[in-house]
Amino acid sequence: MRYYKEPKINSMIPNFQYPTPIDREVNWDKSKTIMSRTDAAGVIDYVNQVFCDVCGYSTEELLGSPHNIIRHPDMPRVIFKVLWDNIQQGINFHAVAKNLAKSGEYYWVVTDFDIIKDAQGKIVSYLARRTSVPTQSVEKYIAPLYAKMLQVEQVGGMEASGAYLEKFLKDNGYRDYIDFIETAILEFKN
């Protein structure tokens, strides 16, 4: 299996500066679905208007950019590694992410993928649908886990963060990360 190597934003977007994060959530219509599509390397080739409205970037700024343009620094890298390891194998994966808007505000989403293959079965693109995550799920389950994983990652690297995640899931009776996410979201979903 090949490991996903993140494109470097600065090499693709001249003069790009990540926004400074601020501790305020984007105000958006959480009944809407954020849509984007990337090529097999994670470079955006389609976004819907909801995506632009929520993240604050224009379609022109997003198209041709790597998807990590919206990565929030509060996100443990291992979550994206596990996500890419799965979707590159053609396995749909549900991940919860805290994203960074152009304004510096954040927004939490759960992502579901369609993995698009050519006639020979080679993956050519990923279509992602993002929906909101209940605030209670984030506060009670997801944010505390991610904060601890990020702390472990900063000391021991991504492998240590991954080991922490595996131990956390096992110790708390979850089959895997997806079981954890589904359980956390379903508790507060109406």
N, C-alpha and C. Protein backbone atom coordinates (compact mmCIF):
# COMPACT_ATOMS: atom_id res chain seq x y z
N MET A 1 0.84 -1.18 0.00
CA MET A 1 0.00 0.00 0.00
C MET A 1 0.89 1.24 0.00
N ARG A 2 0.57 2.19 -0.83
CA ARG A 2 1.36 3.41 -0.84
C ARG A 2 0.82 4.37 0.21
N TYR A 3 1.70 5.09 0.81
CA TYR A 3 1.31 6.04 1.84
C TYR A 3 1.01 7.38 1.19
N TYR A 4 -0.07 7.98 1.59
CA TYR A 4 -0.45 9.29 1.08
C TYR A 4 0.55 10.34 1.55
N LYS A 5 1.08 11.08 0.62
CA LYS A 5 1.98 12.18 0.95
C LYS A 5 1.23 13.47 0.67
N GLU A 6 1.06 14.26 1.72
CA GLU A 6 0.32 15.51 1.59
C GLU A 6 1.03 16.49 0.67
N PRO A 7 0.27 17.09 -0.25
CA PRO A 7 0.87 18.16 -1.04
C PRO A 7 1.16 19.35 -0.12
N LYS A 8 2.22 20.04 -0.38
CA LYS A 8 2.56 21.24 0.39
C LYS A 8 1.82 22.42 -0.22
N ILE A 9 1.01 23.07 0.59
CA ILE A 9 0.20 24.18 0.09
C ILE A 9 1.07 25.30 -0.44
N ASN A 10 2.12 25.65 0.28
CA ASN A 10 2.94 26.78 -0.14
C ASN A 10 3.57 26.58 -1.52
N SER A 11 3.77 25.31 -1.91
CA SER A 11 4.35 25.08 -3.23
C SER A 11 3.29 25.17 -4.33
N MET A 12 2.02 25.08 -3.95
CA MET A 12 0.95 25.10 -4.95
C MET A 12 0.27 26.46 -5.02
N ILE A 13 0.28 27.20 -3.92
CA ILE A 13 -0.38 28.50 -3.88
C ILE A 13 0.65 29.54 -3.44
N PRO A 14 1.20 30.29 -4.37
CA PRO A 14 2.20 31.30 -4.01
C PRO A 14 1.65 32.27 -2.98
N ASN A 15 2.47 32.63 -2.01
CA ASN A 15 2.13 33.61 -0.97
C ASN A 15 0.99 33.17 -0.05
N PHE A 16 0.67 31.87 -0.02
CA PHE A 16 -0.41 31.40 0.85
C PHE A 16 0.05 31.45 2.31
N GLN A 17 -0.80 31.95 3.16
CA GLN A 17 -0.56 31.96 4.60
C GLN A 17 -1.78 31.34 5.28
N TYR A 18 -1.51 30.32 6.11
CA TYR A 18 -2.63 29.76 6.88
C TYR A 18 -3.22 30.86 7.75
N PRO A 19 -4.54 30.87 7.88
CA PRO A 19 -5.15 31.84 8.79
C PRO A 19 -4.76 31.53 10.24
N THR A 20 -4.72 32.54 11.05
CA THR A 20 -4.49 32.33 12.48
C THR A 20 -5.79 31.83 13.09
N PRO A 21 -5.75 30.66 13.73
CA PRO A 21 -6.99 30.13 14.32
C PRO A 21 -7.51 31.03 15.43
N ILE A 22 -8.82 31.17 15.45
CA ILE A 22 -9.50 31.86 16.55
C ILE A 22 -10.53 30.90 17.12
N ASP A 23 -10.79 31.04 18.39
CA ASP A 23 -11.68 30.10 19.07
C ASP A 23 -13.14 30.52 18.90
N ARG A 24 -13.58 30.45 17.64
CA ARG A 24 -14.98 30.77 17.34
C ARG A 24 -15.43 29.89 16.18
N GLU A 25 -16.61 29.33 16.33
CA GLU A 25 -17.15 28.45 15.30
C GLU A 25 -17.79 29.26 14.18
N VAL A 26 -17.61 28.79 12.96
CA VAL A 26 -18.27 29.38 11.80
C VAL A 26 -19.78 29.23 11.99
N ASN A 27 -20.51 30.28 11.71
CA ASN A 27 -21.97 30.23 11.75
C ASN A 27 -22.44 29.78 10.37
N TRP A 28 -22.97 28.54 10.29
CA TRP A 28 -23.40 28.02 8.99
C TRP A 28 -24.66 27.19 9.16
N ASP A 29 -25.36 27.00 8.06
CA ASP A 29 -26.59 26.21 8.05
C ASP A 29 -26.21 24.73 8.11
N LYS A 30 -26.32 24.15 9.29
CA LYS A 30 -25.87 22.78 9.52
C LYS A 30 -26.79 21.73 8.93
N SER A 31 -27.85 22.15 8.28
CA SER A 31 -28.69 21.19 7.56
C SER A 31 -28.14 20.95 6.15
N LYS A 32 -27.18 21.76 5.73
CA LYS A 32 -26.59 21.66 4.38
C LYS A 32 -25.42 20.67 4.37
N THR A 33 -25.11 20.20 3.17
CA THR A 33 -23.99 19.27 2.97
C THR A 33 -22.88 19.96 2.20
N ILE A 34 -21.68 19.90 2.74
CA ILE A 34 -20.48 20.43 2.10
C ILE A 34 -19.96 19.34 1.17
N MET A 35 -19.72 19.70 -0.09
CA MET A 35 -19.26 18.72 -1.08
C MET A 35 -17.95 19.20 -1.71
N SER A 36 -17.07 18.23 -1.93
CA SER A 36 -15.86 18.51 -2.69
C SER A 36 -15.40 17.21 -3.35
N ARG A 37 -14.61 17.39 -4.38
CA ARG A 37 -13.99 16.24 -5.04
C ARG A 37 -12.52 16.58 -5.25
N THR A 38 -11.69 15.56 -5.04
CA THR A 38 -10.26 15.74 -5.31
C THR A 38 -9.81 14.67 -6.29
N ASP A 39 -8.67 14.91 -6.88
CA ASP A 39 -8.05 13.85 -7.67
C ASP A 39 -7.43 12.85 -6.70
N ALA A 40 -6.79 11.84 -7.21
CA ALA A 40 -6.23 10.78 -6.36
C ALA A 40 -5.13 11.30 -5.43
N ALA A 41 -4.55 12.45 -5.75
CA ALA A 41 -3.49 13.02 -4.92
C ALA A 41 -4.02 14.02 -3.88
N GLY A 42 -5.33 14.24 -3.83
CA GLY A 42 -5.88 15.15 -2.84
C GLY A 42 -5.99 16.59 -3.27
N VAL A 43 -5.88 16.85 -4.59
CA VAL A 43 -5.99 18.21 -5.10
C VAL A 43 -7.44 18.45 -5.52
N ILE A 44 -8.01 19.54 -5.05
CA ILE A 44 -9.43 19.84 -5.26
C ILE A 44 -9.72 20.15 -6.73
N ASP A 45 -10.76 19.48 -7.27
CA ASP A 45 -11.19 19.81 -8.63
C ASP A 45 -12.69 20.14 -8.71
N TYR A 46 -13.39 20.08 -7.59
CA TYR A 46 -14.80 20.47 -7.53
C TYR A 46 -15.15 20.84 -6.09
N VAL A 47 -15.93 21.90 -5.93
CA VAL A 47 -16.52 22.27 -4.64
C VAL A 47 -17.92 22.78 -4.89
N ASN A 48 -18.81 22.54 -3.93
CA ASN A 48 -20.13 23.16 -4.06
C ASN A 48 -20.13 24.52 -3.34
N GLN A 49 -21.20 25.25 -3.55
CA GLN A 49 -21.27 26.60 -2.96
C GLN A 49 -21.29 26.55 -1.45
N VAL A 50 -21.86 25.50 -0.87
CA VAL A 50 -21.90 25.37 0.59
C VAL A 50 -20.47 25.34 1.13
N PHE A 51 -19.61 24.59 0.47
CA PHE A 51 -18.21 24.52 0.89
C PHE A 51 -17.62 25.94 0.93
N CYS A 52 -17.78 26.67 -0.14
CA CYS A 52 -17.25 28.04 -0.20
C CYS A 52 -17.85 28.92 0.89
N ASP A 53 -19.15 28.81 1.09
CA ASP A 53 -19.82 29.63 2.10
C ASP A 53 -19.28 29.34 3.50
N VAL A 54 -19.05 28.07 3.79
CA VAL A 54 -18.61 27.69 5.14
C VAL A 54 -17.14 28.01 5.36
N CYS A 55 -16.28 27.65 4.41
CA CYS A 55 -14.83 27.84 4.64
C CYS A 55 -14.36 29.25 4.33
N GLY A 56 -15.14 30.01 3.54
CA GLY A 56 -14.77 31.39 3.25
C GLY A 56 -13.84 31.59 2.07
N TYR A 57 -13.38 30.49 1.47
CA TYR A 57 -12.55 30.60 0.26
C TYR A 57 -13.46 30.61 -0.96
N SER A 58 -13.03 31.26 -2.01
CA SER A 58 -13.79 31.26 -3.26
C SER A 58 -13.52 29.95 -4.01
N THR A 59 -14.37 29.66 -4.97
CA THR A 59 -14.16 28.50 -5.82
C THR A 59 -12.79 28.58 -6.48
N GLU A 60 -12.42 29.76 -6.95
CA GLU A 60 -11.13 29.95 -7.63
C GLU A 60 -9.95 29.67 -6.69
N GLU A 61 -10.09 30.03 -5.43
CA GLU A 61 -9.01 29.77 -4.47
C GLU A 61 -8.89 28.28 -4.15
N LEU A 62 -10.02 27.58 -4.17
CA LEU A 62 -10.02 26.17 -3.79
C LEU A 62 -9.61 25.24 -4.92
N LEU A 63 -10.11 25.50 -6.13
CA LEU A 63 -9.79 24.61 -7.26
C LEU A 63 -8.29 24.62 -7.52
N GLY A 64 -7.71 23.43 -7.60
CA GLY A 64 -6.28 23.29 -7.81
C GLY A 64 -5.45 23.32 -6.53
N SER A 65 -6.11 23.54 -5.40
CA SER A 65 -5.42 23.56 -4.11
C SER A 65 -5.51 22.19 -3.46
N PRO A 66 -4.51 21.84 -2.65
CA PRO A 66 -4.63 20.59 -1.89
C PRO A 66 -5.72 20.75 -0.84
N HIS A 67 -6.40 19.65 -0.52
CA HIS A 67 -7.52 19.73 0.41
C HIS A 67 -7.08 20.15 1.80
N ASN A 68 -5.82 19.97 2.12
CA ASN A 68 -5.39 20.36 3.46
C ASN A 68 -5.30 21.88 3.64
N ILE A 69 -5.76 22.64 2.66
CA ILE A 69 -5.87 24.09 2.81
C ILE A 69 -6.79 24.43 3.99
N ILE A 70 -7.70 23.53 4.35
CA ILE A 70 -8.64 23.79 5.44
C ILE A 70 -8.30 23.01 6.72
N ARG A 71 -7.13 22.39 6.76
CA ARG A 71 -6.77 21.61 7.95
C ARG A 71 -6.52 22.52 9.14
N HIS A 72 -7.20 22.21 10.23
CA HIS A 72 -7.02 22.96 11.48
C HIS A 72 -5.83 22.38 12.24
N PRO A 73 -5.01 23.22 12.86
CA PRO A 73 -3.86 22.70 13.59
C PRO A 73 -4.22 21.86 14.82
N ASP A 74 -5.47 21.88 15.24
CA ASP A 74 -5.92 21.05 16.37
C ASP A 74 -6.14 19.59 15.96
N MET A 75 -6.01 19.28 14.68
CA MET A 75 -6.25 17.92 14.21
C MET A 75 -4.99 17.06 14.30
N PRO A 76 -5.10 15.89 14.93
CA PRO A 76 -3.97 14.96 14.93
C PRO A 76 -3.72 14.44 13.51
N ARG A 77 -2.48 14.41 13.10
CA ARG A 77 -2.13 13.96 11.74
C ARG A 77 -2.53 12.51 11.50
N VAL A 78 -2.50 11.70 12.53
CA VAL A 78 -2.78 10.27 12.35
C VAL A 78 -4.21 10.03 11.87
N ILE A 79 -5.13 10.91 12.20
CA ILE A 79 -6.52 10.75 11.70
C ILE A 79 -6.50 10.80 10.18
N PHE A 80 -5.74 11.72 9.59
CA PHE A 80 -5.68 11.81 8.14
C PHE A 80 -4.90 10.65 7.53
N LYS A 81 -3.90 10.15 8.24
CA LYS A 81 -3.17 8.98 7.76
C LYS A 81 -4.10 7.78 7.68
N VAL A 82 -4.87 7.55 8.74
CA VAL A 82 -5.80 6.42 8.76
C VAL A 82 -6.87 6.59 7.67
N LEU A 83 -7.36 7.81 7.52
CA LEU A 83 -8.35 8.10 6.48
C LEU A 83 -7.78 7.76 5.11
N TRP A 84 -6.59 8.29 4.79
CA TRP A 84 -6.00 8.06 3.47
C TRP A 84 -5.63 6.60 3.26
N ASP A 85 -5.12 5.94 4.31
CA ASP A 85 -4.80 4.51 4.18
C ASP A 85 -6.04 3.73 3.75
N ASN A 86 -7.19 4.10 4.29
CA ASN A 86 -8.43 3.39 3.96
C ASN A 86 -8.95 3.73 2.58
N ILE A 87 -9.09 5.02 2.28
CA ILE A 87 -9.71 5.36 0.99
C ILE A 87 -8.80 5.00 -0.18
N GLN A 88 -7.49 4.98 0.03
CA GLN A 88 -6.60 4.55 -1.06
C GLN A 88 -6.74 3.07 -1.35
N GLN A 89 -7.28 2.33 -0.40
CA GLN A 89 -7.57 0.91 -0.63
C GLN A 89 -8.98 0.71 -1.16
N GLY A 90 -9.71 1.83 -1.38
CA GLY A 90 -11.07 1.74 -1.89
C GLY A 90 -12.09 1.51 -0.79
N ILE A 91 -11.71 1.72 0.45
CA ILE A 91 -12.60 1.51 1.59
C ILE A 91 -13.15 2.86 2.03
N ASN A 92 -14.48 2.99 2.01
CA ASN A 92 -15.09 4.22 2.50
C ASN A 92 -14.72 4.39 3.96
N PHE A 93 -14.55 5.61 4.38
CA PHE A 93 -14.11 5.88 5.74
C PHE A 93 -14.84 7.11 6.24
N HIS A 94 -15.37 7.03 7.43
CA HIS A 94 -16.02 8.18 8.06
C HIS A 94 -15.03 8.79 9.04
N ALA A 95 -14.75 10.05 8.87
CA ALA A 95 -13.83 10.73 9.78
C ALA A 95 -14.45 12.03 10.24
N VAL A 96 -14.18 12.38 11.48
CA VAL A 96 -14.60 13.67 11.99
C VAL A 96 -13.39 14.58 11.99
N ALA A 97 -13.58 15.78 11.45
CA ALA A 97 -12.47 16.73 11.36
C ALA A 97 -12.91 18.11 11.83
N LYS A 98 -11.97 18.77 12.47
CA LYS A 98 -12.13 20.19 12.78
C LYS A 98 -11.41 20.92 11.66
N ASN A 99 -12.14 21.69 10.89
CA ASN A 99 -11.57 22.40 9.75
C ASN A 99 -11.37 23.87 10.07
N LEU A 100 -10.46 24.49 9.34
CA LEU A 100 -10.09 25.89 9.54
C LEU A 100 -10.58 26.72 8.37
N ALA A 101 -11.45 27.66 8.68
CA ALA A 101 -11.96 28.57 7.65
C ALA A 101 -10.94 29.67 7.38
N LYS A 102 -11.10 30.34 6.27
CA LYS A 102 -10.21 31.44 5.89
C LYS A 102 -10.21 32.54 6.95
N SER A 103 -11.32 32.70 7.65
CA SER A 103 -11.45 33.71 8.70
C SER A 103 -10.67 33.35 9.97
N GLY A 104 -10.22 32.10 10.07
CA GLY A 104 -9.59 31.62 11.30
C GLY A 104 -10.55 30.88 12.20
N GLU A 105 -11.85 30.97 11.89
CA GLU A 105 -12.86 30.24 12.65
C GLU A 105 -12.77 28.75 12.30
N TYR A 106 -13.42 27.92 13.11
CA TYR A 106 -13.41 26.48 12.88
C TYR A 106 -14.81 25.98 12.59
N TYR A 107 -14.87 24.78 12.03
CA TYR A 107 -16.14 24.07 11.88
C TYR A 107 -15.86 22.57 11.90
N TRP A 108 -16.71 21.83 12.62
CA TRP A 108 -16.58 20.38 12.76
C TRP A 108 -17.49 19.69 11.77
N VAL A 109 -16.96 18.67 11.09
CA VAL A 109 -17.74 17.90 10.13
C VAL A 109 -17.39 16.42 10.21
N VAL A 110 -18.34 15.60 9.80
CA VAL A 110 -18.06 14.18 9.57
C VAL A 110 -18.12 13.99 8.06
N THR A 111 -17.13 13.27 7.53
CA THR A 111 -17.00 13.11 6.08
C THR A 111 -17.26 11.67 5.68
N ASP A 112 -17.98 11.53 4.59
CA ASP A 112 -18.28 10.25 3.95
C ASP A 112 -17.78 10.35 2.51
N PHE A 113 -17.21 9.27 1.97
CA PHE A 113 -16.58 9.33 0.66
C PHE A 113 -17.26 8.42 -0.36
N ASP A 114 -17.26 8.87 -1.61
CA ASP A 114 -17.45 8.00 -2.78
C ASP A 114 -16.08 7.91 -3.42
N ILE A 115 -15.64 6.70 -3.66
CA ILE A 115 -14.33 6.47 -4.26
C ILE A 115 -14.56 6.14 -5.73
N ILE A 116 -14.07 7.00 -6.61
CA ILE A 116 -14.35 6.89 -8.04
C ILE A 116 -13.16 6.24 -8.74
N LYS A 117 -13.47 5.17 -9.48
CA LYS A 117 -12.42 4.41 -10.17
C LYS A 117 -12.65 4.45 -11.68
N ASP A 118 -11.57 4.26 -12.42
CA ASP A 118 -11.67 4.18 -13.88
C ASP A 118 -12.04 2.75 -14.28
N ALA A 119 -12.12 2.49 -15.58
CA ALA A 119 -12.53 1.17 -16.09
C ALA A 119 -11.57 0.05 -15.66
N GLN A 120 -10.33 0.39 -15.37
CA GLN A 120 -9.35 -0.61 -14.94
C GLN A 120 -9.34 -0.80 -13.42
N GLY A 121 -10.19 -0.07 -12.72
CA GLY A 121 -10.28 -0.19 -11.27
C GLY A 121 -9.31 0.69 -10.51
N LYS A 122 -8.62 1.59 -11.20
CA LYS A 122 -7.68 2.51 -10.56
C LYS A 122 -8.47 3.71 -10.00
N ILE A 123 -8.17 4.08 -8.77
CA ILE A 123 -8.83 5.24 -8.17
C ILE A 123 -8.39 6.51 -8.89
N VAL A 124 -9.38 7.30 -9.32
CA VAL A 124 -9.08 8.55 -10.02
C VAL A 124 -9.52 9.78 -9.22
N SER A 125 -10.49 9.60 -8.32
CA SER A 125 -10.91 10.74 -7.52
C SER A 125 -11.72 10.29 -6.31
N TYR A 126 -11.88 11.25 -5.40
CA TYR A 126 -12.67 11.03 -4.18
C TYR A 126 -13.70 12.13 -4.08
N LEU A 127 -14.95 11.74 -3.92
CA LEU A 127 -16.03 12.70 -3.71
C LEU A 127 -16.37 12.65 -2.23
N ALA A 128 -16.27 13.79 -1.57
CA ALA A 128 -16.50 13.84 -0.13
C ALA A 128 -17.75 14.66 0.18
N ARG A 129 -18.56 14.08 1.06
CA ARG A 129 -19.75 14.75 1.58
C ARG A 129 -19.52 15.00 3.07
N ARG A 130 -19.66 16.25 3.49
CA ARG A 130 -19.45 16.59 4.89
C ARG A 130 -20.73 17.16 5.48
N THR A 131 -21.05 16.64 6.65
CA THR A 131 -22.21 17.14 7.39
C THR A 131 -21.75 17.55 8.79
N SER A 132 -22.59 18.32 9.45
CA SER A 132 -22.21 18.81 10.78
C SER A 132 -22.19 17.68 11.80
N VAL A 133 -21.48 17.92 12.86
CA VAL A 133 -21.37 16.98 13.98
C VAL A 133 -22.05 17.65 15.17
N PRO A 134 -22.89 16.92 15.90
CA PRO A 134 -23.52 17.54 17.08
C PRO A 134 -22.47 18.10 18.04
N THR A 135 -22.68 19.32 18.48
CA THR A 135 -21.74 19.99 19.39
C THR A 135 -21.47 19.15 20.63
N GLN A 136 -22.51 18.51 21.16
CA GLN A 136 -22.34 17.69 22.36
C GLN A 136 -21.39 16.52 22.10
N SER A 137 -21.44 15.94 20.91
CA SER A 137 -20.55 14.83 20.55
C SER A 137 -19.10 15.31 20.52
N VAL A 138 -18.91 16.49 19.95
CA VAL A 138 -17.56 17.05 19.87
C VAL A 138 -17.03 17.31 21.27
N GLU A 139 -17.83 18.00 22.09
CA GLU A 139 -17.37 18.40 23.42
C GLU A 139 -17.13 17.21 24.34
N LYS A 140 -18.00 16.21 24.29
CA LYS A 140 -17.92 15.08 25.22
C LYS A 140 -16.91 14.04 24.78
N TYR A 141 -16.82 13.76 23.49
CA TYR A 141 -16.02 12.64 23.01
C TYR A 141 -14.85 13.02 22.11
N ILE A 142 -15.13 13.74 21.05
CA ILE A 142 -14.17 13.89 19.97
C ILE A 142 -13.05 14.88 20.31
N ALA A 143 -13.40 16.08 20.74
CA ALA A 143 -12.37 17.08 21.04
C ALA A 143 -11.41 16.62 22.14
N PRO A 144 -11.89 16.01 23.23
CA PRO A 144 -10.93 15.54 24.25
C PRO A 144 -9.98 14.47 23.72
N LEU A 145 -10.49 13.54 22.91
CA LEU A 145 -9.63 12.50 22.34
C LEU A 145 -8.59 13.13 21.41
N TYR A 146 -9.03 14.01 20.52
CA TYR A 146 -8.11 14.63 19.58
C TYR A 146 -7.05 15.47 20.31
N ALA A 147 -7.45 16.18 21.37
CA ALA A 147 -6.50 16.99 22.13
C ALA A 147 -5.42 16.10 22.74
N LYS A 148 -5.81 14.97 23.31
CA LYS A 148 -4.84 14.05 23.89
C LYS A 148 -3.95 13.45 22.80
N MET A 149 -4.54 13.07 21.67
CA MET A 149 -3.75 12.51 20.56
C MET A 149 -2.74 13.54 20.05
N LEU A 150 -3.15 14.78 19.94
CA LEU A 150 -2.25 15.83 19.47
C LEU A 150 -1.10 16.04 20.46
N GLN A 151 -1.43 15.98 21.75
CA GLN A 151 -0.41 16.11 22.78
C GLN A 151 0.61 14.97 22.67
N VAL A 152 0.12 13.74 22.50
CA VAL A 152 1.00 12.58 22.33
C VAL A 152 1.83 12.72 21.06
N GLU A 153 1.20 13.19 19.99
CA GLU A 153 1.90 13.37 18.71
C GLU A 153 3.04 14.38 18.82
N GLN A 154 2.81 15.45 19.56
CA GLN A 154 3.83 16.48 19.69
C GLN A 154 5.06 15.97 20.44
N VAL A 155 4.86 14.98 21.32
CA VAL A 155 5.97 14.42 22.09
C VAL A 155 6.59 13.22 21.36
N GLY A 156 5.74 12.31 20.87
CA GLY A 156 6.24 11.05 20.33
C GLY A 156 6.03 10.82 18.85
N GLY A 157 5.46 11.77 18.16
CA GLY A 157 5.24 11.62 16.73
C GLY A 157 3.91 10.96 16.40
N MET A 158 3.68 10.85 15.09
CA MET A 158 2.41 10.32 14.60
C MET A 158 2.21 8.86 15.01
N GLU A 159 3.27 8.07 15.05
CA GLU A 159 3.14 6.66 15.42
C GLU A 159 2.65 6.54 16.86
N ALA A 160 3.19 7.36 17.75
CA ALA A 160 2.76 7.33 19.15
C ALA A 160 1.29 7.75 19.27
N SER A 161 0.89 8.73 18.49
CA SER A 161 -0.50 9.16 18.49
C SER A 161 -1.42 8.05 17.99
N GLY A 162 -0.97 7.34 16.96
CA GLY A 162 -1.74 6.20 16.45
C GLY A 162 -1.86 5.09 17.47
N ALA A 163 -0.77 4.82 18.20
CA ALA A 163 -0.79 3.80 19.25
C ALA A 163 -1.75 4.21 20.37
N TYR A 164 -1.74 5.49 20.71
CA TYR A 164 -2.67 6.00 21.73
C TYR A 164 -4.11 5.78 21.28
N LEU A 165 -4.41 6.11 20.01
CA LEU A 165 -5.75 5.92 19.48
C LEU A 165 -6.17 4.45 19.56
N GLU A 166 -5.30 3.55 19.12
CA GLU A 166 -5.63 2.12 19.17
C GLU A 166 -5.91 1.66 20.60
N LYS A 167 -5.09 2.09 21.55
CA LYS A 167 -5.29 1.71 22.95
C LYS A 167 -6.60 2.29 23.48
N PHE A 168 -6.86 3.55 23.17
CA PHE A 168 -8.10 4.20 23.60
C PHE A 168 -9.31 3.42 23.10
N LEU A 169 -9.31 3.07 21.82
CA LEU A 169 -10.45 2.35 21.24
C LEU A 169 -10.62 0.99 21.91
N LYS A 170 -9.54 0.27 22.07
CA LYS A 170 -9.60 -1.06 22.70
C LYS A 170 -10.06 -0.95 24.15
N ASP A 171 -9.46 -0.04 24.91
CA ASP A 171 -9.79 0.11 26.34
C ASP A 171 -11.24 0.53 26.57
N ASN A 172 -11.84 1.20 25.57
CA ASN A 172 -13.21 1.70 25.73
C ASN A 172 -14.24 0.87 24.98
N GLY A 173 -13.82 -0.29 24.46
CA GLY A 173 -14.76 -1.23 23.86
C GLY A 173 -15.23 -0.91 22.46
N TYR A 174 -14.50 -0.08 21.73
CA TYR A 174 -14.88 0.23 20.35
C TYR A 174 -14.18 -0.75 19.41
N ARG A 175 -14.89 -1.17 18.37
CA ARG A 175 -14.29 -2.07 17.37
C ARG A 175 -13.17 -1.38 16.61
N ASP A 176 -13.40 -0.11 16.29
CA ASP A 176 -12.45 0.68 15.52
C ASP A 176 -12.84 2.15 15.61
N TYR A 177 -12.11 2.99 14.90
CA TYR A 177 -12.37 4.44 14.92
C TYR A 177 -13.79 4.75 14.43
N ILE A 178 -14.22 4.08 13.38
CA ILE A 178 -15.55 4.35 12.84
C ILE A 178 -16.63 4.01 13.86
N ASP A 179 -16.47 2.91 14.59
CA ASP A 179 -17.42 2.56 15.66
C ASP A 179 -17.46 3.68 16.71
N PHE A 180 -16.30 4.20 17.08
CA PHE A 180 -16.23 5.31 18.03
C PHE A 180 -16.99 6.53 17.52
N ILE A 181 -16.73 6.91 16.26
CA ILE A 181 -17.37 8.09 15.67
C ILE A 181 -18.88 7.90 15.61
N GLU A 182 -19.32 6.75 15.11
CA GLU A 182 -20.77 6.50 15.00
C GLU A 182 -21.44 6.54 16.36
N THR A 183 -20.81 5.94 17.37
CA THR A 183 -21.36 5.94 18.72
C THR A 183 -21.44 7.36 19.26
N ALA A 184 -20.38 8.14 19.10
CA ALA A 184 -20.33 9.51 19.61
C ALA A 184 -21.39 10.39 18.95
N ILE A 185 -21.58 10.22 17.66
CA ILE A 185 -22.54 11.06 16.94
C ILE A 185 -23.98 10.63 17.22
N LEU A 186 -24.22 9.34 17.24
CA LEU A 186 -25.60 8.85 17.42
C LEU A 186 -26.17 9.21 18.78
N GLU A 187 -25.33 9.33 19.79
CA GLU A 187 -25.85 9.66 21.12
C GLU A 187 -26.59 10.98 21.12
N PHE A 188 -26.16 11.93 20.31
CA PHE A 188 -26.75 13.27 20.34
C PHE A 188 -27.49 13.65 19.07
N LYS A 189 -27.59 12.75 18.11
CA LYS A 189 -28.28 13.06 16.86
C LYS A 189 -29.79 12.95 17.09
N ASN A 190 -30.52 13.90 16.59
CA ASN A 190 -32.00 13.88 16.75
C ASN A 190 -32.63 13.23 15.56
